[in-house]
mmCIF file of all heavy atoms, coordinates in Angstrom:
data_MODEL
# 
_entry.id   MODEL 
# 
loop_
_atom_site.group_PDB 
_atom_site.id 
_atom_site.type_symbol 
_atom_site.label_atom_id 
_atom_site.label_alt_id 
_atom_site.label_comp_id 
_atom_site.label_asym_id 
_atom_site.label_entity_id 
_atom_site.label_seq_id 
_atom_site.pdbx_PDB_ins_code 
_atom_site.Cartn_x 
_atom_site.Cartn_y 
_atom_site.Cartn_z 
_atom_site.occupancy 
_atom_site.B_iso_or_equiv 
_atom_site.pdbx_formal_charge 
_atom_site.auth_seq_id 
_atom_site.auth_comp_id 
_atom_site.auth_asym_id 
_atom_site.auth_atom_id 
_atom_site.pdbx_PDB_model_num 
ATOM 1   N N   . PRO A 1 1  ? -69.203 59.398 37.405 1.00 0.00 ? 1  PRO A N   1 
ATOM 2   C CA  . PRO A 1 1  ? -68.111 60.007 36.590 1.00 0.00 ? 1  PRO A CA  1 
ATOM 3   C C   . PRO A 1 1  ? -66.766 59.875 37.287 1.00 0.00 ? 1  PRO A C   1 
ATOM 4   O O   . PRO A 1 1  ? -66.737 59.944 38.524 1.00 0.00 ? 1  PRO A O   1 
ATOM 5   C CB  . PRO A 1 1  ? -68.516 61.291 36.389 1.00 0.00 ? 1  PRO A CB  1 
ATOM 6   C CG  . PRO A 1 1  ? -69.366 61.593 37.643 1.00 0.00 ? 1  PRO A CG  1 
ATOM 7   C CD  . PRO A 1 1  ? -70.142 60.402 37.907 1.00 0.00 ? 1  PRO A CD  1 
ATOM 8   N N   . SER A 1 2  ? -65.760 59.739 36.469 1.00 0.00 ? 2  SER A N   1 
ATOM 9   C CA  . SER A 1 2  ? -64.285 59.681 37.123 1.00 0.00 ? 2  SER A CA  1 
ATOM 10  C C   . SER A 1 2  ? -63.438 60.336 36.090 1.00 0.00 ? 2  SER A C   1 
ATOM 11  O O   . SER A 1 2  ? -63.238 59.843 35.070 1.00 0.00 ? 2  SER A O   1 
ATOM 12  C CB  . SER A 1 2  ? -63.920 58.211 37.307 1.00 0.00 ? 2  SER A CB  1 
ATOM 13  O OG  . SER A 1 2  ? -62.672 58.072 37.833 1.00 0.00 ? 2  SER A OG  1 
ATOM 14  N N   . HIS A 1 3  ? -62.928 61.353 36.545 1.00 0.00 ? 3  HIS A N   1 
ATOM 15  C CA  . HIS A 1 3  ? -61.835 62.103 35.757 1.00 0.00 ? 3  HIS A CA  1 
ATOM 16  C C   . HIS A 1 3  ? -62.419 62.511 34.376 1.00 0.00 ? 3  HIS A C   1 
ATOM 17  O O   . HIS A 1 3  ? -61.852 62.483 33.404 1.00 0.00 ? 3  HIS A O   1 
ATOM 18  C CB  . HIS A 1 3  ? -60.646 61.314 35.529 1.00 0.00 ? 3  HIS A CB  1 
ATOM 19  C CG  . HIS A 1 3  ? -59.330 62.124 35.586 1.00 0.00 ? 3  HIS A CG  1 
ATOM 20  N ND1 . HIS A 1 3  ? -59.029 62.709 36.784 1.00 0.00 ? 3  HIS A ND1 1 
ATOM 21  C CD2 . HIS A 1 3  ? -58.382 62.314 34.788 1.00 0.00 ? 3  HIS A CD2 1 
ATOM 22  C CE1 . HIS A 1 3  ? -57.830 63.387 36.596 1.00 0.00 ? 3  HIS A CE1 1 
ATOM 23  N NE2 . HIS A 1 3  ? -57.430 63.213 35.413 1.00 0.00 ? 3  HIS A NE2 1 
ATOM 24  N N   . ALA A 1 4  ? -63.665 62.815 34.460 1.00 0.00 ? 4  ALA A N   1 
ATOM 25  C CA  . ALA A 1 4  ? -64.519 63.200 33.203 1.00 0.00 ? 4  ALA A CA  1 
ATOM 26  C C   . ALA A 1 4  ? -64.334 64.511 32.831 1.00 0.00 ? 4  ALA A C   1 
ATOM 27  O O   . ALA A 1 4  ? -64.063 65.490 33.605 1.00 0.00 ? 4  ALA A O   1 
ATOM 28  C CB  . ALA A 1 4  ? -66.011 62.932 33.419 1.00 0.00 ? 4  ALA A CB  1 
ATOM 29  N N   . PRO A 1 5  ? -64.344 64.944 31.475 1.00 0.00 ? 5  PRO A N   1 
ATOM 30  C CA  . PRO A 1 5  ? -64.270 66.376 31.151 1.00 0.00 ? 5  PRO A CA  1 
ATOM 31  C C   . PRO A 1 5  ? -65.601 66.976 31.452 1.00 0.00 ? 5  PRO A C   1 
ATOM 32  O O   . PRO A 1 5  ? -66.592 66.387 31.677 1.00 0.00 ? 5  PRO A O   1 
ATOM 33  C CB  . PRO A 1 5  ? -64.207 66.148 29.538 1.00 0.00 ? 5  PRO A CB  1 
ATOM 34  C CG  . PRO A 1 5  ? -64.815 64.903 29.224 1.00 0.00 ? 5  PRO A CG  1 
ATOM 35  C CD  . PRO A 1 5  ? -64.493 63.937 30.386 1.00 0.00 ? 5  PRO A CD  1 
ATOM 36  N N   . ALA A 1 6  ? -65.585 68.341 31.704 1.00 0.00 ? 6  ALA A N   1 
ATOM 37  C CA  . ALA A 1 6  ? -66.760 69.053 32.130 1.00 0.00 ? 6  ALA A CA  1 
ATOM 38  C C   . ALA A 1 6  ? -66.844 70.382 31.319 1.00 0.00 ? 6  ALA A C   1 
ATOM 39  O O   . ALA A 1 6  ? -65.977 70.835 30.745 1.00 0.00 ? 6  ALA A O   1 
ATOM 40  C CB  . ALA A 1 6  ? -66.537 69.521 33.611 1.00 0.00 ? 6  ALA A CB  1 
ATOM 41  N N   . ILE A 1 7  ? -68.037 70.822 31.313 1.00 0.00 ? 7  ILE A N   1 
ATOM 42  C CA  . ILE A 1 7  ? -68.460 72.019 30.583 1.00 0.00 ? 7  ILE A CA  1 
ATOM 43  C C   . ILE A 1 7  ? -69.453 72.919 31.509 1.00 0.00 ? 7  ILE A C   1 
ATOM 44  O O   . ILE A 1 7  ? -70.400 72.273 32.041 1.00 0.00 ? 7  ILE A O   1 
ATOM 45  C CB  . ILE A 1 7  ? -68.933 71.904 29.155 1.00 0.00 ? 7  ILE A CB  1 
ATOM 46  C CG1 . ILE A 1 7  ? -69.133 73.092 28.375 1.00 0.00 ? 7  ILE A CG1 1 
ATOM 47  C CG2 . ILE A 1 7  ? -70.266 71.073 29.259 1.00 0.00 ? 7  ILE A CG2 1 
ATOM 48  C CD1 . ILE A 1 7  ? -69.423 72.867 26.965 1.00 0.00 ? 7  ILE A CD1 1 
ATOM 49  N N   . VAL A 1 8  ? -69.197 74.163 31.634 1.00 0.00 ? 8  VAL A N   1 
ATOM 50  C CA  . VAL A 1 8  ? -70.106 74.979 32.319 1.00 0.00 ? 8  VAL A CA  1 
ATOM 51  C C   . VAL A 1 8  ? -70.739 76.082 31.365 1.00 0.00 ? 8  VAL A C   1 
ATOM 52  O O   . VAL A 1 8  ? -69.967 76.731 30.669 1.00 0.00 ? 8  VAL A O   1 
ATOM 53  C CB  . VAL A 1 8  ? -69.485 75.553 33.590 1.00 0.00 ? 8  VAL A CB  1 
ATOM 54  C CG1 . VAL A 1 8  ? -68.198 76.446 33.227 1.00 0.00 ? 8  VAL A CG1 1 
ATOM 55  C CG2 . VAL A 1 8  ? -70.504 76.486 34.327 1.00 0.00 ? 8  VAL A CG2 1 
ATOM 56  N N   . PHE A 1 9  ? -72.052 76.211 31.409 1.00 0.00 ? 9  PHE A N   1 
ATOM 57  C CA  . PHE A 1 9  ? -72.701 77.285 30.450 1.00 0.00 ? 9  PHE A CA  1 
ATOM 58  C C   . PHE A 1 9  ? -73.115 78.401 31.297 1.00 0.00 ? 9  PHE A C   1 
ATOM 59  O O   . PHE A 1 9  ? -73.625 78.202 32.435 1.00 0.00 ? 9  PHE A O   1 
ATOM 60  C CB  . PHE A 1 9  ? -73.969 76.458 29.828 1.00 0.00 ? 9  PHE A CB  1 
ATOM 61  C CG  . PHE A 1 9  ? -73.651 75.462 28.862 1.00 0.00 ? 9  PHE A CG  1 
ATOM 62  C CD1 . PHE A 1 9  ? -73.359 74.082 29.131 1.00 0.00 ? 9  PHE A CD1 1 
ATOM 63  C CD2 . PHE A 1 9  ? -73.462 75.861 27.412 1.00 0.00 ? 9  PHE A CD2 1 
ATOM 64  C CE1 . PHE A 1 9  ? -73.199 73.232 28.180 1.00 0.00 ? 9  PHE A CE1 1 
ATOM 65  C CE2 . PHE A 1 9  ? -73.201 74.858 26.500 1.00 0.00 ? 9  PHE A CE2 1 
ATOM 66  C CZ  . PHE A 1 9  ? -73.094 73.610 26.894 1.00 0.00 ? 9  PHE A CZ  1 
ATOM 67  N N   . PHE A 1 10 ? -72.964 79.554 30.686 1.00 0.00 ? 10 PHE A N   1 
ATOM 68  C CA  . PHE A 1 10 ? -73.463 80.875 31.253 1.00 0.00 ? 10 PHE A CA  1 
ATOM 69  C C   . PHE A 1 10 ? -74.651 81.339 30.284 1.00 0.00 ? 10 PHE A C   1 
ATOM 70  O O   . PHE A 1 10 ? -74.286 81.568 29.136 1.00 0.00 ? 10 PHE A O   1 
ATOM 71  C CB  . PHE A 1 10 ? -72.310 81.785 31.382 1.00 0.00 ? 10 PHE A CB  1 
ATOM 72  C CG  . PHE A 1 10 ? -71.339 81.361 32.457 1.00 0.00 ? 10 PHE A CG  1 
ATOM 73  C CD1 . PHE A 1 10 ? -70.188 80.774 31.768 1.00 0.00 ? 10 PHE A CD1 1 
ATOM 74  C CD2 . PHE A 1 10 ? -71.613 81.333 33.683 1.00 0.00 ? 10 PHE A CD2 1 
ATOM 75  C CE1 . PHE A 1 10 ? -69.135 80.377 32.679 1.00 0.00 ? 10 PHE A CE1 1 
ATOM 76  C CE2 . PHE A 1 10 ? -70.526 80.870 34.594 1.00 0.00 ? 10 PHE A CE2 1 
ATOM 77  C CZ  . PHE A 1 10 ? -69.302 80.381 34.040 1.00 0.00 ? 10 PHE A CZ  1 
ATOM 78  N N   . PHE A 1 11 ? -75.884 81.629 30.810 1.00 0.00 ? 11 PHE A N   1 
ATOM 79  C CA  . PHE A 1 11 ? -76.934 82.024 29.937 1.00 0.00 ? 11 PHE A CA  1 
ATOM 80  C C   . PHE A 1 11 ? -76.755 83.370 29.479 1.00 0.00 ? 11 PHE A C   1 
ATOM 81  O O   . PHE A 1 11 ? -75.937 84.153 29.981 1.00 0.00 ? 11 PHE A O   1 
ATOM 82  C CB  . PHE A 1 11 ? -78.292 81.858 30.828 1.00 0.00 ? 11 PHE A CB  1 
ATOM 83  C CG  . PHE A 1 11 ? -78.236 82.630 32.091 1.00 0.00 ? 11 PHE A CG  1 
ATOM 84  C CD1 . PHE A 1 11 ? -78.472 84.117 32.063 1.00 0.00 ? 11 PHE A CD1 1 
ATOM 85  C CD2 . PHE A 1 11 ? -77.903 82.134 33.332 1.00 0.00 ? 11 PHE A CD2 1 
ATOM 86  C CE1 . PHE A 1 11 ? -78.523 84.879 33.276 1.00 0.00 ? 11 PHE A CE1 1 
ATOM 87  C CE2 . PHE A 1 11 ? -77.964 82.879 34.540 1.00 0.00 ? 11 PHE A CE2 1 
ATOM 88  C CZ  . PHE A 1 11 ? -78.290 84.180 34.483 1.00 0.00 ? 11 PHE A CZ  1 
ATOM 89  N N   . GLY A 1 12 ? -77.432 83.848 28.427 1.00 0.00 ? 12 GLY A N   1 
ATOM 90  C CA  . GLY A 1 12 ? -77.496 85.115 27.901 1.00 0.00 ? 12 GLY A CA  1 
ATOM 91  C C   . GLY A 1 12 ? -78.670 85.900 28.523 1.00 0.00 ? 12 GLY A C   1 
ATOM 92  O O   . GLY A 1 12 ? -79.488 85.421 29.104 1.00 0.00 ? 12 GLY A O   1 
ATOM 93  N N   . GLY A 1 13 ? -78.503 87.220 28.093 1.00 0.00 ? 13 GLY A N   1 
ATOM 94  C CA  . GLY A 1 13 ? -79.557 88.112 28.785 1.00 0.00 ? 13 GLY A CA  1 
ATOM 95  C C   . GLY A 1 13 ? -79.103 89.532 28.909 1.00 0.00 ? 13 GLY A C   1 
ATOM 96  O O   . GLY A 1 13 ? -79.736 90.294 29.635 1.00 0.00 ? 13 GLY A O   1 
ATOM 97  N N   . GLY A 1 14 ? -77.989 89.869 28.127 1.00 0.00 ? 14 GLY A N   1 
ATOM 98  C CA  . GLY A 1 14 ? -77.632 91.246 28.197 1.00 0.00 ? 14 GLY A CA  1 
ATOM 99  C C   . GLY A 1 14 ? -77.051 91.593 29.702 1.00 0.00 ? 14 GLY A C   1 
ATOM 100 O O   . GLY A 1 14 ? -77.060 92.810 29.962 1.00 0.00 ? 14 GLY A O   1 
ATOM 101 N N   . TRP A 1 15 ? -76.528 90.600 30.355 1.00 0.00 ? 15 TRP A N   1 
ATOM 102 C CA  . TRP A 1 15 ? -76.140 90.705 31.797 1.00 0.00 ? 15 TRP A CA  1 
ATOM 103 C C   . TRP A 1 15 ? -77.287 91.472 32.680 1.00 0.00 ? 15 TRP A C   1 
ATOM 104 O O   . TRP A 1 15 ? -76.949 91.810 33.698 1.00 0.00 ? 15 TRP A O   1 
ATOM 105 C CB  . TRP A 1 15 ? -74.911 91.669 31.908 1.00 0.00 ? 15 TRP A CB  1 
ATOM 106 C CG  . TRP A 1 15 ? -73.801 91.462 31.028 1.00 0.00 ? 15 TRP A CG  1 
ATOM 107 C CD1 . TRP A 1 15 ? -72.953 90.430 31.097 1.00 0.00 ? 15 TRP A CD1 1 
ATOM 108 C CD2 . TRP A 1 15 ? -73.309 92.259 30.004 1.00 0.00 ? 15 TRP A CD2 1 
ATOM 109 N NE1 . TRP A 1 15 ? -71.903 90.407 30.073 1.00 0.00 ? 15 TRP A NE1 1 
ATOM 110 C CE2 . TRP A 1 15 ? -72.115 91.593 29.480 1.00 0.00 ? 15 TRP A CE2 1 
ATOM 111 C CE3 . TRP A 1 15 ? -73.644 93.487 29.440 1.00 0.00 ? 15 TRP A CE3 1 
ATOM 112 C CZ2 . TRP A 1 15 ? -71.372 92.145 28.379 1.00 0.00 ? 15 TRP A CZ2 1 
ATOM 113 C CZ3 . TRP A 1 15 ? -72.904 94.001 28.386 1.00 0.00 ? 15 TRP A CZ3 1 
ATOM 114 C CH2 . TRP A 1 15 ? -71.810 93.355 27.815 1.00 0.00 ? 15 TRP A CH2 1 
ATOM 115 N N   . SER A 1 16 ? -78.460 91.347 32.221 1.00 0.00 ? 16 SER A N   1 
ATOM 116 C CA  . SER A 1 16 ? -79.662 91.833 32.868 1.00 0.00 ? 16 SER A CA  1 
ATOM 117 C C   . SER A 1 16 ? -80.714 90.955 33.201 1.00 0.00 ? 16 SER A C   1 
ATOM 118 O O   . SER A 1 16 ? -81.403 91.130 34.188 1.00 0.00 ? 16 SER A O   1 
ATOM 119 C CB  . SER A 1 16 ? -80.307 93.018 31.901 1.00 0.00 ? 16 SER A CB  1 
ATOM 120 O OG  . SER A 1 16 ? -81.398 93.639 32.565 1.00 0.00 ? 16 SER A OG  1 
ATOM 121 N N   . SER A 1 17 ? -80.865 89.853 32.494 1.00 0.00 ? 17 SER A N   1 
ATOM 122 C CA  . SER A 1 17 ? -81.862 88.816 32.809 1.00 0.00 ? 17 SER A CA  1 
ATOM 123 C C   . SER A 1 17 ? -81.393 87.511 32.326 1.00 0.00 ? 17 SER A C   1 
ATOM 124 O O   . SER A 1 17 ? -80.150 87.371 31.844 1.00 0.00 ? 17 SER A O   1 
ATOM 125 C CB  . SER A 1 17 ? -83.197 89.197 32.127 1.00 0.00 ? 17 SER A CB  1 
ATOM 126 O OG  . SER A 1 17 ? -82.919 89.287 30.758 1.00 0.00 ? 17 SER A OG  1 
ATOM 127 N N   . GLY A 1 18 ? -82.306 86.415 32.197 1.00 0.00 ? 18 GLY A N   1 
ATOM 128 C CA  . GLY A 1 18 ? -81.907 85.225 31.721 1.00 0.00 ? 18 GLY A CA  1 
ATOM 129 C C   . GLY A 1 18 ? -82.224 84.112 32.796 1.00 0.00 ? 18 GLY A C   1 
ATOM 130 O O   . GLY A 1 18 ? -82.320 84.495 33.929 1.00 0.00 ? 18 GLY A O   1 
ATOM 131 N N   . THR A 1 19 ? -81.902 82.849 32.348 1.00 0.00 ? 19 THR A N   1 
ATOM 132 C CA  . THR A 1 19 ? -81.977 81.758 33.282 1.00 0.00 ? 19 THR A CA  1 
ATOM 133 C C   . THR A 1 19 ? -81.136 80.632 32.960 1.00 0.00 ? 19 THR A C   1 
ATOM 134 O O   . THR A 1 19 ? -80.911 80.397 31.724 1.00 0.00 ? 19 THR A O   1 
ATOM 135 C CB  . THR A 1 19 ? -83.537 81.168 33.377 1.00 0.00 ? 19 THR A CB  1 
ATOM 136 O OG1 . THR A 1 19 ? -83.523 80.053 34.092 1.00 0.00 ? 19 THR A OG1 1 
ATOM 137 C CG2 . THR A 1 19 ? -84.017 81.045 31.905 1.00 0.00 ? 19 THR A CG2 1 
ATOM 138 N N   . PRO A 1 20 ? -80.601 79.889 33.885 1.00 0.00 ? 20 PRO A N   1 
ATOM 139 C CA  . PRO A 1 20 ? -79.716 78.662 33.592 1.00 0.00 ? 20 PRO A CA  1 
ATOM 140 C C   . PRO A 1 20 ? -80.456 77.598 32.805 1.00 0.00 ? 20 PRO A C   1 
ATOM 141 O O   . PRO A 1 20 ? -79.752 76.759 32.208 1.00 0.00 ? 20 PRO A O   1 
ATOM 142 C CB  . PRO A 1 20 ? -79.427 78.215 34.976 1.00 0.00 ? 20 PRO A CB  1 
ATOM 143 C CG  . PRO A 1 20 ? -79.453 79.325 35.834 1.00 0.00 ? 20 PRO A CG  1 
ATOM 144 C CD  . PRO A 1 20 ? -80.639 80.277 35.321 1.00 0.00 ? 20 PRO A CD  1 
ATOM 145 N N   . GLN A 1 21 ? -81.738 77.687 32.657 1.00 0.00 ? 21 GLN A N   1 
ATOM 146 C CA  . GLN A 1 21 ? -82.543 76.744 31.902 1.00 0.00 ? 21 GLN A CA  1 
ATOM 147 C C   . GLN A 1 21 ? -82.211 76.915 30.373 1.00 0.00 ? 21 GLN A C   1 
ATOM 148 O O   . GLN A 1 21 ? -82.506 75.921 29.626 1.00 0.00 ? 21 GLN A O   1 
ATOM 149 C CB  . GLN A 1 21 ? -84.000 76.813 32.143 1.00 0.00 ? 21 GLN A CB  1 
ATOM 150 C CG  . GLN A 1 21 ? -84.342 76.101 33.459 1.00 0.00 ? 21 GLN A CG  1 
ATOM 151 C CD  . GLN A 1 21 ? -85.822 75.820 33.588 1.00 0.00 ? 21 GLN A CD  1 
ATOM 152 O OE1 . GLN A 1 21 ? -86.549 76.787 33.955 1.00 0.00 ? 21 GLN A OE1 1 
ATOM 153 N NE2 . GLN A 1 21 ? -86.301 74.659 33.400 1.00 0.00 ? 21 GLN A NE2 1 
ATOM 154 N N   . GLN A 1 22 ? -81.661 77.951 30.026 1.00 0.00 ? 22 GLN A N   1 
ATOM 155 C CA  . GLN A 1 22 ? -81.317 78.260 28.543 1.00 0.00 ? 22 GLN A CA  1 
ATOM 156 C C   . GLN A 1 22 ? -80.623 76.952 27.983 1.00 0.00 ? 22 GLN A C   1 
ATOM 157 O O   . GLN A 1 22 ? -80.786 76.593 26.795 1.00 0.00 ? 22 GLN A O   1 
ATOM 158 C CB  . GLN A 1 22 ? -80.582 79.444 28.266 1.00 0.00 ? 22 GLN A CB  1 
ATOM 159 C CG  . GLN A 1 22 ? -80.325 79.744 26.854 1.00 0.00 ? 22 GLN A CG  1 
ATOM 160 C CD  . GLN A 1 22 ? -79.524 81.038 26.551 1.00 0.00 ? 22 GLN A CD  1 
ATOM 161 O OE1 . GLN A 1 22 ? -79.073 81.623 27.484 1.00 0.00 ? 22 GLN A OE1 1 
ATOM 162 N NE2 . GLN A 1 22 ? -79.454 81.433 25.411 1.00 0.00 ? 22 GLN A NE2 1 
ATOM 163 N N   . PHE A 1 23 ? -79.598 76.556 28.648 1.00 0.00 ? 23 PHE A N   1 
ATOM 164 C CA  . PHE A 1 23 ? -78.702 75.493 28.134 1.00 0.00 ? 23 PHE A CA  1 
ATOM 165 C C   . PHE A 1 23 ? -78.997 74.172 28.725 1.00 0.00 ? 23 PHE A C   1 
ATOM 166 O O   . PHE A 1 23 ? -78.075 73.262 28.509 1.00 0.00 ? 23 PHE A O   1 
ATOM 167 C CB  . PHE A 1 23 ? -77.206 75.853 28.378 1.00 0.00 ? 23 PHE A CB  1 
ATOM 168 C CG  . PHE A 1 23 ? -76.829 76.936 27.454 1.00 0.00 ? 23 PHE A CG  1 
ATOM 169 C CD1 . PHE A 1 23 ? -76.677 78.301 27.956 1.00 0.00 ? 23 PHE A CD1 1 
ATOM 170 C CD2 . PHE A 1 23 ? -76.542 76.730 26.177 1.00 0.00 ? 23 PHE A CD2 1 
ATOM 171 C CE1 . PHE A 1 23 ? -76.380 79.350 27.186 1.00 0.00 ? 23 PHE A CE1 1 
ATOM 172 C CE2 . PHE A 1 23 ? -76.053 77.790 25.310 1.00 0.00 ? 23 PHE A CE2 1 
ATOM 173 C CZ  . PHE A 1 23 ? -76.096 79.086 25.849 1.00 0.00 ? 23 PHE A CZ  1 
ATOM 174 N N   . GLU A 1 24 ? -80.243 73.811 29.187 1.00 0.00 ? 24 GLU A N   1 
ATOM 175 C CA  . GLU A 1 24 ? -80.557 72.490 29.682 1.00 0.00 ? 24 GLU A CA  1 
ATOM 176 C C   . GLU A 1 24 ? -80.418 71.553 28.549 1.00 0.00 ? 24 GLU A C   1 
ATOM 177 O O   . GLU A 1 24 ? -79.815 70.411 28.797 1.00 0.00 ? 24 GLU A O   1 
ATOM 178 C CB  . GLU A 1 24 ? -81.871 72.478 30.185 1.00 0.00 ? 24 GLU A CB  1 
ATOM 179 C CG  . GLU A 1 24 ? -82.366 71.175 30.648 1.00 0.00 ? 24 GLU A CG  1 
ATOM 180 C CD  . GLU A 1 24 ? -83.817 71.120 31.321 1.00 0.00 ? 24 GLU A CD  1 
ATOM 181 O OE1 . GLU A 1 24 ? -84.517 72.184 31.327 1.00 0.00 ? 24 GLU A OE1 1 
ATOM 182 O OE2 . GLU A 1 24 ? -84.218 70.066 31.759 1.00 0.00 ? 24 GLU A OE2 1 
ATOM 183 N N   . PRO A 1 25 ? -80.990 71.645 27.306 1.00 0.00 ? 25 PRO A N   1 
ATOM 184 C CA  . PRO A 1 25 ? -80.782 70.707 26.215 1.00 0.00 ? 25 PRO A CA  1 
ATOM 185 C C   . PRO A 1 25 ? -79.349 70.286 26.053 1.00 0.00 ? 25 PRO A C   1 
ATOM 186 O O   . PRO A 1 25 ? -79.054 68.990 25.809 1.00 0.00 ? 25 PRO A O   1 
ATOM 187 C CB  . PRO A 1 25 ? -81.474 71.272 24.939 1.00 0.00 ? 25 PRO A CB  1 
ATOM 188 C CG  . PRO A 1 25 ? -82.429 72.352 25.581 1.00 0.00 ? 25 PRO A CG  1 
ATOM 189 C CD  . PRO A 1 25 ? -81.721 72.885 26.811 1.00 0.00 ? 25 PRO A CD  1 
ATOM 190 N N   . GLN A 1 26 ? -78.514 71.283 25.908 1.00 0.00 ? 26 GLN A N   1 
ATOM 191 C CA  . GLN A 1 26 ? -77.082 71.014 25.715 1.00 0.00 ? 26 GLN A CA  1 
ATOM 192 C C   . GLN A 1 26 ? -76.439 70.179 26.901 1.00 0.00 ? 26 GLN A C   1 
ATOM 193 O O   . GLN A 1 26 ? -75.707 69.256 26.544 1.00 0.00 ? 26 GLN A O   1 
ATOM 194 C CB  . GLN A 1 26 ? -76.252 72.194 25.502 1.00 0.00 ? 26 GLN A CB  1 
ATOM 195 C CG  . GLN A 1 26 ? -76.533 72.972 24.171 1.00 0.00 ? 26 GLN A CG  1 
ATOM 196 C CD  . GLN A 1 26 ? -77.735 73.921 24.315 1.00 0.00 ? 26 GLN A CD  1 
ATOM 197 O OE1 . GLN A 1 26 ? -78.648 73.951 25.173 1.00 0.00 ? 26 GLN A OE1 1 
ATOM 198 N NE2 . GLN A 1 26 ? -77.953 74.830 23.309 1.00 0.00 ? 26 GLN A NE2 1 
ATOM 199 N N   . CYS A 1 27 ? -76.835 70.543 28.077 1.00 0.00 ? 27 CYS A N   1 
ATOM 200 C CA  . CYS A 1 27 ? -76.302 69.809 29.235 1.00 0.00 ? 27 CYS A CA  1 
ATOM 201 C C   . CYS A 1 27 ? -76.707 68.389 29.240 1.00 0.00 ? 27 CYS A C   1 
ATOM 202 O O   . CYS A 1 27 ? -75.864 67.416 29.484 1.00 0.00 ? 27 CYS A O   1 
ATOM 203 C CB  . CYS A 1 27 ? -76.821 70.554 30.471 1.00 0.00 ? 27 CYS A CB  1 
ATOM 204 S SG  . CYS A 1 27 ? -75.807 72.056 30.932 1.00 0.00 ? 27 CYS A SG  1 
# 
């Protein structure tokens, strides 16, 4: 990548639980 756009995903879980794997398909 060179000067590419980026996106960062934050998982859900009520600020109590969850995992970064939630948004693996989108990534």
